[in-house]
Amino acid sequence: MNGETGETIKAVVRIVPEEKYPFKILEARTSNKEKISVTMEEKQSEKGVEYLITVFNLQNTPTRYFEKVILKTDSKLRPELEINVYTNITDKKS
C-alpha cells in the first residue's frame, strides 16, 4: 500500500476458491493491530463464494513497514493463508 499522511490508505484482495480445492475462510486477523486492521466480506459470485479482504493502514506518520494478514481456513491442505502487506507512507505534499 502506498499513500500520504492524512489520507485513507487501504487495499482489497479478492480470494476465489477453486472448485477442485474448495475452502471457507473462518477468520481474518493481523500480525500487528496497531499498524493495520482487516475486514472480510463473503459474497456469492458466478464462480461460487468469494472473499473480499480489505486491509486498512492505521499509521498517521511517514513510515515504511511490513506486516501480515493471517486467514484461518477450514482446509486440511492449507489451514492458514498469509497475505504480506508492505506499506509506504510519505509526508503530504503541499
PDB file of N, CA and C in Angstrom:
ATOM      1  N   MET A   1       0.854  -1.160   0.000  1.00  0.00           N
ATOM      2  CA  MET A   1       0.000   0.000   0.000  1.00  0.00           C
ATOM      3  C   MET A   1       0.902   1.225   0.000  1.00  0.00           C
ATOM      4  N   ASN A   2       0.497   2.238  -0.717  1.00  0.00           N
ATOM      5  CA  ASN A   2       1.228   3.498  -0.765  1.00  0.00           C
ATOM      6  C   ASN A   2       0.261   4.647  -0.549  1.00  0.00           C
ATOM      7  N   GLY A   3       0.748   5.693   0.097  1.00  0.00           N
ATOM      8  CA  GLY A   3      -0.090   6.862   0.289  1.00  0.00           C
ATOM      9  C   GLY A   3       0.622   7.936   1.069  1.00  0.00           C
ATOM     10  N   GLU A   4      -0.103   9.029   1.298  1.00  0.00           N
ATOM     11  CA  GLU A   4       0.431  10.172   2.036  1.00  0.00           C
ATOM     12  C   GLU A   4      -0.261  10.285   3.386  1.00  0.00           C
ATOM     13  N   THR A   5       0.423  10.943   4.338  1.00  0.00           N
ATOM     14  CA  THR A   5      -0.175  11.161   5.650  1.00  0.00           C
ATOM     15  C   THR A   5      -1.488  11.923   5.482  1.00  0.00           C
ATOM     16  N   GLY A   6      -2.466  11.604   6.301  1.00  0.00           N
ATOM     17  CA  GLY A   6      -3.743  12.298   6.262  1.00  0.00           C
ATOM     18  C   GLY A   6      -4.765  11.705   5.318  1.00  0.00           C
ATOM     19  N   GLU A   7      -4.374  10.744   4.476  1.00  0.00           N
ATOM     20  CA  GLU A   7      -5.352  10.142   3.574  1.00  0.00           C
ATOM     21  C   GLU A   7      -5.615   8.693   3.976  1.00  0.00           C
ATOM     22  N   THR A   8      -6.755   8.178   3.546  1.00  0.00           N
ATOM     23  CA  THR A   8      -7.089   6.787   3.820  1.00  0.00           C
ATOM     24  C   THR A   8      -6.267   5.901   2.899  1.00  0.00           C
ATOM     25  N   ILE A   9      -5.540   4.984   3.496  1.00  0.00           N
ATOM     26  CA  ILE A   9      -4.708   4.063   2.725  1.00  0.00           C
ATOM     27  C   ILE A   9      -5.249   2.663   2.979  1.00  0.00           C
ATOM     28  N   LYS A  10      -5.695   2.009   1.894  1.00  0.00           N
ATOM     29  CA  LYS A  10      -6.250   0.664   2.036  1.00  0.00           C
ATOM     30  C   LYS A  10      -5.999  -0.133   0.765  1.00  0.00           C
ATOM     31  N   ALA A  11      -6.156  -1.436   0.877  1.00  0.00           N
ATOM     32  CA  ALA A  11      -6.025  -2.335  -0.265  1.00  0.00           C
ATOM     33  C   ALA A  11      -7.064  -3.438  -0.118  1.00  0.00           C
ATOM     34  N   VAL A  12      -7.551  -3.932  -1.259  1.00  0.00           N
ATOM     35  CA  VAL A  12      -8.547  -5.001  -1.260  1.00  0.00           C
ATOM     36  C   VAL A  12      -7.978  -6.195  -2.024  1.00  0.00           C
ATOM     37  N   VAL A  13      -8.100  -7.375  -1.421  1.00  0.00           N
ATOM     38  CA  VAL A  13      -7.673  -8.623  -2.050  1.00  0.00           C
ATOM     39  C   VAL A  13      -8.910  -9.489  -2.230  1.00  0.00           C
ATOM     40  N   ARG A  14      -9.080 -10.018  -3.437  1.00  0.00           N
ATOM     41  CA  ARG A  14     -10.218 -10.899  -3.724  1.00  0.00           C
ATOM     42  C   ARG A  14      -9.710 -12.335  -3.784  1.00  0.00           C
ATOM     43  N   ILE A  15     -10.302 -13.215  -3.000  1.00  0.00           N
ATOM     44  CA  ILE A  15      -9.905 -14.623  -2.970  1.00  0.00           C
ATOM     45  C   ILE A  15     -11.084 -15.459  -3.435  1.00  0.00           C
ATOM     46  N   VAL A  16     -10.841 -16.273  -4.481  1.00  0.00           N
ATOM     47  CA  VAL A  16     -11.879 -17.136  -5.037  1.00  0.00           C
ATOM     48  C   VAL A  16     -11.373 -18.580  -4.967  1.00  0.00           C
ATOM     49  N   PRO A  17     -11.926 -19.398  -4.079  1.00  0.00           N
ATOM     50  CA  PRO A  17     -11.505 -20.800  -4.009  1.00  0.00           C
ATOM     51  C   PRO A  17     -11.819 -21.528  -5.318  1.00  0.00           C
ATOM     52  N   GLU A  18     -10.912 -22.404  -5.733  1.00  0.00           N
ATOM     53  CA  GLU A  18     -11.139 -23.193  -6.942  1.00  0.00           C
ATOM     54  C   GLU A  18     -12.107 -24.335  -6.637  1.00  0.00           C
ATOM     55  N   GLU A  19     -12.872 -24.742  -7.655  1.00  0.00           N
ATOM     56  CA  GLU A  19     -13.833 -25.833  -7.473  1.00  0.00           C
ATOM     57  C   GLU A  19     -13.150 -27.104  -6.991  1.00  0.00           C
ATOM     58  N   LYS A  20     -11.965 -27.347  -7.513  1.00  0.00           N
ATOM     59  CA  LYS A  20     -11.219 -28.561  -7.190  1.00  0.00           C
ATOM     60  C   LYS A  20     -10.751 -28.585  -5.729  1.00  0.00           C
ATOM     61  N   TYR A  21     -10.485 -27.405  -5.159  1.00  0.00           N
ATOM     62  CA  TYR A  21      -9.999 -27.289  -3.783  1.00  0.00           C
ATOM     63  C   TYR A  21     -10.840 -26.270  -3.009  1.00  0.00           C
ATOM     64  N   PRO A  22     -12.092 -26.593  -2.723  1.00  0.00           N
ATOM     65  CA  PRO A  22     -12.947 -25.624  -2.021  1.00  0.00           C
ATOM     66  C   PRO A  22     -12.508 -25.439  -0.564  1.00  0.00           C
ATOM     67  N   PHE A  23     -12.703 -24.252  -0.062  1.00  0.00           N
ATOM     68  CA  PHE A  23     -12.443 -23.970   1.351  1.00  0.00           C
ATOM     69  C   PHE A  23     -13.247 -22.756   1.766  1.00  0.00           C
ATOM     70  N   LYS A  24     -13.388 -22.587   3.067  1.00  0.00           N
ATOM     71  CA  LYS A  24     -14.031 -21.405   3.633  1.00  0.00           C
ATOM     72  C   LYS A  24     -13.003 -20.670   4.471  1.00  0.00           C
ATOM     73  N   ILE A  25     -13.077 -19.358   4.459  1.00  0.00           N
ATOM     74  CA  ILE A  25     -12.244 -18.559   5.348  1.00  0.00           C
ATOM     75  C   ILE A  25     -13.058 -18.324   6.614  1.00  0.00           C
ATOM     76  N   LEU A  26     -12.516 -18.761   7.726  1.00  0.00           N
ATOM     77  CA  LEU A  26     -13.224 -18.698   9.001  1.00  0.00           C
ATOM     78  C   LEU A  26     -12.915 -17.434   9.790  1.00  0.00           C
ATOM     79  N   GLU A  27     -11.699 -16.900   9.591  1.00  0.00           N
ATOM     80  CA  GLU A  27     -11.259 -15.755  10.395  1.00  0.00           C
ATOM     81  C   GLU A  27     -10.159 -15.009   9.655  1.00  0.00           C
ATOM     82  N   ALA A  28     -10.150 -13.692   9.820  1.00  0.00           N
ATOM     83  CA  ALA A  28      -9.070 -12.848   9.291  1.00  0.00           C
ATOM     84  C   ALA A  28      -8.521 -12.026  10.450  1.00  0.00           C
ATOM     85  N   ARG A  29      -7.192 -12.079  10.635  1.00  0.00           N
ATOM     86  CA  ARG A  29      -6.558 -11.291  11.700  1.00  0.00           C
ATOM     87  C   ARG A  29      -5.244 -10.722  11.181  1.00  0.00           C
ATOM     88  N   THR A  30      -4.683  -9.788  11.931  1.00  0.00           N
ATOM     89  CA  THR A  30      -3.441  -9.137  11.517  1.00  0.00           C
ATOM     90  C   THR A  30      -2.295  -9.529  12.441  1.00  0.00           C
ATOM     91  N   SER A  31      -1.076  -9.343  11.952  1.00  0.00           N
ATOM     92  CA  SER A  31       0.103  -9.617  12.772  1.00  0.00           C
ATOM     93  C   SER A  31       0.387  -8.469  13.732  1.00  0.00           C
ATOM     94  N   ASN A  32      -0.197  -7.279  13.459  1.00  0.00           N
ATOM     95  CA  ASN A  32       0.037  -6.120  14.321  1.00  0.00           C
ATOM     96  C   ASN A  32      -1.189  -5.209  14.272  1.00  0.00           C
ATOM     97  N   LYS A  33      -1.994  -5.224  15.314  1.00  0.00           N
ATOM     98  CA  LYS A  33      -3.243  -4.452  15.345  1.00  0.00           C
ATOM     99  C   LYS A  33      -3.020  -2.952  15.484  1.00  0.00           C
ATOM    100  N   GLU A  34      -1.792  -2.536  15.767  1.00  0.00           N
ATOM    101  CA  GLU A  34      -1.501  -1.103  15.881  1.00  0.00           C
ATOM    102  C   GLU A  34      -1.173  -0.475  14.526  1.00  0.00           C
ATOM    103  N   LYS A  35      -0.807  -1.301  13.542  1.00  0.00           N
ATOM    104  CA  LYS A  35      -0.422  -0.767  12.234  1.00  0.00           C
ATOM    105  C   LYS A  35      -1.471  -0.985  11.154  1.00  0.00           C
ATOM    106  N   ILE A  36      -2.163  -2.133  11.198  1.00  0.00           N
ATOM    107  CA  ILE A  36      -3.173  -2.425  10.179  1.00  0.00           C
ATOM    108  C   ILE A  36      -4.408  -3.052  10.818  1.00  0.00           C
ATOM    109  N   SER A  37      -5.534  -2.880  10.130  1.00  0.00           N
ATOM    110  CA  SER A  37      -6.761  -3.591  10.508  1.00  0.00           C
ATOM    111  C   SER A  37      -7.277  -4.295   9.260  1.00  0.00           C
ATOM    112  N   VAL A  38      -8.148  -5.262   9.456  1.00  0.00           N
ATOM    113  CA  VAL A  38      -8.635  -6.048   8.329  1.00  0.00           C
ATOM    114  C   VAL A  38     -10.122  -6.338   8.509  1.00  0.00           C
ATOM    115  N   THR A  39     -10.844  -6.328   7.380  1.00  0.00           N
ATOM    116  CA  THR A  39     -12.235  -6.765   7.359  1.00  0.00           C
ATOM    117  C   THR A  39     -12.376  -7.833   6.285  1.00  0.00           C
ATOM    118  N   MET A  40     -13.374  -8.684   6.438  1.00  0.00           N
ATOM    119  CA  MET A  40     -13.619  -9.740   5.469  1.00  0.00           C
ATOM    120  C   MET A  40     -15.096  -9.744   5.110  1.00  0.00           C
ATOM    121  N   GLU A  41     -15.361  -9.839   3.818  1.00  0.00           N
ATOM    122  CA  GLU A  41     -16.741  -9.900   3.327  1.00  0.00           C
ATOM    123  C   GLU A  41     -16.875 -11.126   2.437  1.00  0.00           C
ATOM    124  N   GLU A  42     -17.877 -11.950   2.707  1.00  0.00           N
ATOM    125  CA  GLU A  42     -18.144 -13.135   1.892  1.00  0.00           C
ATOM    126  C   GLU A  42     -19.257 -12.792   0.919  1.00  0.00           C
ATOM    127  N   LYS A  43     -19.031 -13.075  -0.379  1.00  0.00           N
ATOM    128  CA  LYS A  43     -20.022 -12.758  -1.407  1.00  0.00           C
ATOM    129  C   LYS A  43     -20.235 -13.963  -2.309  1.00  0.00           C
ATOM    130  N   GLN A  44     -21.413 -14.023  -2.893  1.00  0.00           N
ATOM    131  CA  GLN A  44     -21.696 -15.023  -3.918  1.00  0.00           C
ATOM    132  C   GLN A  44     -21.381 -14.414  -5.276  1.00  0.00           C
ATOM    133  N   SER A  45     -20.707 -15.175  -6.125  1.00  0.00           N
ATOM    134  CA  SER A  45     -20.406 -14.721  -7.481  1.00  0.00           C
ATOM    135  C   SER A  45     -20.778 -15.835  -8.447  1.00  0.00           C
ATOM    136  N   GLU A  46     -20.531 -15.597  -9.736  1.00  0.00           N
ATOM    137  CA  GLU A  46     -20.821 -16.616 -10.746  1.00  0.00           C
ATOM    138  C   GLU A  46     -20.019 -17.887 -10.498  1.00  0.00           C
ATOM    139  N   LYS A  47     -18.827 -17.737  -9.933  1.00  0.00           N
ATOM    140  CA  LYS A  47     -17.947 -18.882  -9.682  1.00  0.00           C
ATOM    141  C   LYS A  47     -18.174 -19.507  -8.313  1.00  0.00           C
ATOM    142  N   GLY A  48     -19.128 -18.996  -7.560  1.00  0.00           N
ATOM    143  CA  GLY A  48     -19.385 -19.504  -6.214  1.00  0.00           C
ATOM    144  C   GLY A  48     -19.072 -18.451  -5.172  1.00  0.00           C
ATOM    145  N   VAL A  49     -18.566 -18.899  -4.038  1.00  0.00           N
ATOM    146  CA  VAL A  49     -18.244 -17.977  -2.952  1.00  0.00           C
ATOM    147  C   VAL A  49     -16.904 -17.306  -3.228  1.00  0.00           C
ATOM    148  N   GLU A  50     -16.839 -16.016  -2.949  1.00  0.00           N
ATOM    149  CA  GLU A  50     -15.568 -15.296  -2.993  1.00  0.00           C
ATOM    150  C   GLU A  50     -15.468 -14.438  -1.745  1.00  0.00           C
ATOM    151  N   TYR A  51     -14.235 -14.114  -1.391  1.00  0.00           N
ATOM    152  CA  TYR A  51     -13.976 -13.341  -0.181  1.00  0.00           C
ATOM    153  C   TYR A  51     -13.254 -12.057  -0.548  1.00  0.00           C
ATOM    154  N   LEU A  52     -13.739 -10.939  -0.015  1.00  0.00           N
ATOM    155  CA  LEU A  52     -13.069  -9.656  -0.184  1.00  0.00           C
ATOM    156  C   LEU A  52     -12.406  -9.315   1.142  1.00  0.00           C
ATOM    157  N   ILE A  53     -11.082  -9.257   1.111  1.00  0.00           N
ATOM    158  CA  ILE A  53     -10.289  -8.946   2.293  1.00  0.00           C
ATOM    159  C   ILE A  53      -9.806  -7.510   2.131  1.00  0.00           C
ATOM    160  N   THR A  54     -10.216  -6.613   3.022  1.00  0.00           N
ATOM    161  CA  THR A  54      -9.805  -5.206   2.956  1.00  0.00           C
ATOM    162  C   THR A  54      -8.854  -4.924   4.107  1.00  0.00           C
ATOM    163  N   VAL A  55      -7.680  -4.368   3.750  1.00  0.00           N
ATOM    164  CA  VAL A  55      -6.644  -4.046   4.733  1.00  0.00           C
ATOM    165  C   VAL A  55      -6.544  -2.531   4.832  1.00  0.00           C
ATOM    166  N   PHE A  56      -6.586  -2.009   6.049  1.00  0.00           N
ATOM    167  CA  PHE A  56      -6.520  -0.570   6.298  1.00  0.00           C
ATOM    168  C   PHE A  56      -5.247  -0.224   7.059  1.00  0.00           C
ATOM    169  N   ASN A  57      -4.577   0.845   6.637  1.00  0.00           N
ATOM    170  CA  ASN A  57      -3.441   1.381   7.371  1.00  0.00           C
ATOM    171  C   ASN A  57      -3.954   2.147   8.583  1.00  0.00           C
ATOM    172  N   LEU A  58      -3.263   2.016   9.727  1.00  0.00           N
ATOM    173  CA  LEU A  58      -3.638   2.742  10.939  1.00  0.00           C
ATOM    174  C   LEU A  58      -2.581   3.758  11.363  1.00  0.00           C
ATOM    175  N   GLN A  59      -1.483   3.854  10.630  1.00  0.00           N
ATOM    176  CA  GLN A  59      -0.397   4.771  10.979  1.00  0.00           C
ATOM    177  C   GLN A  59      -0.672   6.167  10.411  1.00  0.00           C
ATOM    178  N   ASN A  60      -0.271   7.209  11.150  1.00  0.00           N
ATOM    179  CA  ASN A  60      -0.520   8.588  10.715  1.00  0.00           C
ATOM    180  C   ASN A  60       0.749   9.381  10.452  1.00  0.00           C
ATOM    181  N   THR A  61       1.903   8.735  10.535  1.00  0.00           N
ATOM    182  CA  THR A  61       3.175   9.423  10.317  1.00  0.00           C
ATOM    183  C   THR A  61       3.905   8.779   9.149  1.00  0.00           C
ATOM    184  N   PRO A  62       4.819   9.522   8.507  1.00  0.00           N
ATOM    185  CA  PRO A  62       5.595   8.930   7.417  1.00  0.00           C
ATOM    186  C   PRO A  62       6.387   7.722   7.933  1.00  0.00           C
ATOM    187  N   THR A  63       6.241   6.607   7.263  1.00  0.00           N
ATOM    188  CA  THR A  63       6.917   5.381   7.686  1.00  0.00           C
ATOM    189  C   THR A  63       6.831   4.337   6.587  1.00  0.00           C
ATOM    190  N   ARG A  64       7.601   3.296   6.761  1.00  0.00           N
ATOM    191  CA  ARG A  64       7.512   2.111   5.906  1.00  0.00           C
ATOM    192  C   ARG A  64       7.434   0.917   6.843  1.00  0.00           C
ATOM    193  N   TYR A  65       6.593  -0.043   6.500  1.00  0.00           N
ATOM    194  CA  TYR A  65       6.515  -1.233   7.342  1.00  0.00           C
ATOM    195  C   TYR A  65       6.011  -2.436   6.557  1.00  0.00           C
ATOM    196  N   PHE A  66       6.233  -3.595   7.156  1.00  0.00           N
ATOM    197  CA  PHE A  66       5.809  -4.880   6.610  1.00  0.00           C
ATOM    198  C   PHE A  66       5.024  -5.610   7.691  1.00  0.00           C
ATOM    199  N   GLU A  67       3.835  -6.058   7.360  1.00  0.00           N
ATOM    200  CA  GLU A  67       3.009  -6.841   8.281  1.00  0.00           C
ATOM    201  C   GLU A  67       2.335  -7.955   7.490  1.00  0.00           C
ATOM    202  N   LYS A  68       1.517  -8.737   8.167  1.00  0.00           N
ATOM    203  CA  LYS A  68       0.817  -9.845   7.524  1.00  0.00           C
ATOM    204  C   LYS A  68      -0.645  -9.869   7.941  1.00  0.00           C
ATOM    205  N   VAL A  69      -1.479 -10.356   7.030  1.00  0.00           N
ATOM    206  CA  VAL A  69      -2.857 -10.716   7.339  1.00  0.00           C
ATOM    207  C   VAL A  69      -2.887 -12.240   7.339  1.00  0.00           C
ATOM    208  N   ILE A  70      -3.402 -12.817   8.400  1.00  0.00           N
ATOM    209  CA  ILE A  70      -3.472 -14.267   8.528  1.00  0.00           C
ATOM    210  C   ILE A  70      -4.928 -14.688   8.400  1.00  0.00           C
ATOM    211  N   LEU A  71      -5.185 -15.606   7.464  1.00  0.00           N
ATOM    212  CA  LEU A  71      -6.537 -16.098   7.216  1.00  0.00           C
ATOM    213  C   LEU A  71      -6.631 -17.542   7.683  1.00  0.00           C
ATOM    214  N   LYS A  72      -7.533 -17.813   8.601  1.00  0.00           N
ATOM    215  CA  LYS A  72      -7.764 -19.175   9.078  1.00  0.00           C
ATOM    216  C   LYS A  72      -8.831 -19.801   8.187  1.00  0.00           C
ATOM    217  N   THR A  73      -8.544 -21.012   7.654  1.00  0.00           N
ATOM    218  CA  THR A  73      -9.479 -21.685   6.754  1.00  0.00           C
ATOM    219  C   THR A  73      -9.902 -23.035   7.332  1.00  0.00           C
ATOM    220  N   ASP A  74     -10.882 -23.644   6.665  1.00  0.00           N
ATOM    221  CA  ASP A  74     -11.296 -24.993   7.047  1.00  0.00           C
ATOM    222  C   ASP A  74     -10.607 -26.056   6.191  1.00  0.00           C
ATOM    223  N   SER A  75      -9.604 -25.679   5.421  1.00  0.00           N
ATOM    224  CA  SER A  75      -8.885 -26.594   4.534  1.00  0.00           C
ATOM    225  C   SER A  75      -7.836 -27.395   5.305  1.00  0.00           C
ATOM    226  N   LYS A  76      -7.789 -28.697   5.048  1.00  0.00           N
ATOM    227  CA  LYS A  76      -6.742 -29.523   5.652  1.00  0.00           C
ATOM    228  C   LYS A  76      -5.415 -29.318   4.924  1.00  0.00           C
ATOM    229  N   LEU A  77      -5.479 -28.930   3.646  1.00  0.00           N
ATOM    230  CA  LEU A  77      -4.254 -28.669   2.880  1.00  0.00           C
ATOM    231  C   LEU A  77      -3.587 -27.372   3.305  1.00  0.00           C
ATOM    232  N   ARG A  78      -4.387 -26.328   3.506  1.00  0.00           N
ATOM    233  CA  ARG A  78      -3.859 -25.007   3.897  1.00  0.00           C
ATOM    234  C   ARG A  78      -4.727 -24.424   5.002  1.00  0.00           C
ATOM    235  N   PRO A  79      -4.498 -24.834   6.253  1.00  0.00           N
ATOM    236  CA  PRO A  79      -5.328 -24.317   7.349  1.00  0.00           C
ATOM    237  C   PRO A  79      -5.150 -22.823   7.588  1.00  0.00           C
ATOM    238  N   GLU A  80      -4.016 -22.268   7.130  1.00  0.00           N
ATOM    239  CA  GLU A  80      -3.788 -20.825   7.221  1.00  0.00           C
ATOM    240  C   GLU A  80      -3.201 -20.313   5.917  1.00  0.00           C
ATOM    241  N   LEU A  81      -3.679 -19.143   5.526  1.00  0.00           N
ATOM    242  CA  LEU A  81      -3.117 -18.420   4.386  1.00  0.00           C
ATOM    243  C   LEU A  81      -2.572 -17.103   4.910  1.00  0.00           C
ATOM    244  N   GLU A  82      -1.479 -16.626   4.322  1.00  0.00           N
ATOM    245  CA  GLU A  82      -0.908 -15.348   4.739  1.00  0.00           C
ATOM    246  C   GLU A  82      -0.862 -14.395   3.552  1.00  0.00           C
ATOM    247  N   ILE A  83      -1.204 -13.148   3.820  1.00  0.00           N
ATOM    248  CA  ILE A  83      -1.095 -12.077   2.830  1.00  0.00           C
ATOM    249  C   ILE A  83      -0.063 -11.097   3.368  1.00  0.00           C
ATOM    250  N   ASN A  84       1.013 -10.908   2.625  1.00  0.00           N
ATOM    251  CA  ASN A  84       2.036  -9.942   3.023  1.00  0.00           C
ATOM    252  C   ASN A  84       1.560  -8.532   2.704  1.00  0.00           C
ATOM    253  N   VAL A  85       1.766  -7.621   3.641  1.00  0.00           N
ATOM    254  CA  VAL A  85       1.335  -6.227   3.485  1.00  0.00           C
ATOM    255  C   VAL A  85       2.558  -5.324   3.613  1.00  0.00           C
ATOM    256  N   TYR A  86       2.915  -4.680   2.511  1.00  0.00           N
ATOM    257  CA  TYR A  86       4.006  -3.709   2.501  1.00  0.00           C
ATOM    258  C   TYR A  86       3.386  -2.325   2.400  1.00  0.00           C
ATOM    259  N   THR A  87       3.788  -1.419   3.266  1.00  0.00           N
ATOM    260  CA  THR A  87       3.194  -0.082   3.281  1.00  0.00           C
ATOM    261  C   THR A  87       4.278   0.978   3.278  1.00  0.00           C
ATOM    262  N   ASN A  88       4.072   2.006   2.454  1.00  0.00           N
ATOM    263  CA  ASN A  88       4.975   3.148   2.375  1.00  0.00           C
ATOM    264  C   ASN A  88       4.130   4.416   2.493  1.00  0.00           C
ATOM    265  N   ILE A  89       4.340   5.171   3.581  1.00  0.00           N
ATOM    266  CA  ILE A  89       3.583   6.404   3.817  1.00  0.00           C
ATOM    267  C   ILE A  89       4.553   7.574   3.768  1.00  0.00           C
ATOM    268  N   THR A  90       4.236   8.562   2.939  1.00  0.00           N
ATOM    269  CA  THR A  90       5.090   9.742   2.808  1.00  0.00           C
ATOM    270  C   THR A  90       4.367  10.972   3.349  1.00  0.00           C
ATOM    271  N   ASP A  91       5.141  12.045   3.591  1.00  0.00           N
ATOM    272  CA  ASP A  91       4.544  13.314   4.015  1.00  0.00           C
ATOM    273  C   ASP A  91       3.635  13.838   2.922  1.00  0.00           C
ATOM    274  N   LYS A  92       2.547  14.467   3.319  1.00  0.00           N
ATOM    275  CA  LYS A  92       1.626  15.070   2.359  1.00  0.00           C
ATOM    276  C   LYS A  92       2.322  16.219   1.649  1.00  0.00           C
ATOM    277  N   LYS A  93       2.246  16.204   0.322  1.00  0.00           N
ATOM    278  CA  LYS A  93       2.865  17.269  -0.475  1.00  0.00           C
ATOM    279  C   LYS A  93       1.985  18.503  -0.458  1.00  0.00           C
ATOM    280  N   SER A  94       2.626  19.665  -0.315  1.00  0.00           N
ATOM    281  CA  SER A  94       1.832  20.902  -0.273  1.00  0.00           C
ATOM    282  C   SER A  94       1.762  21.574  -1.613  1.00  0.00           C
TER     283      SER A  94
END
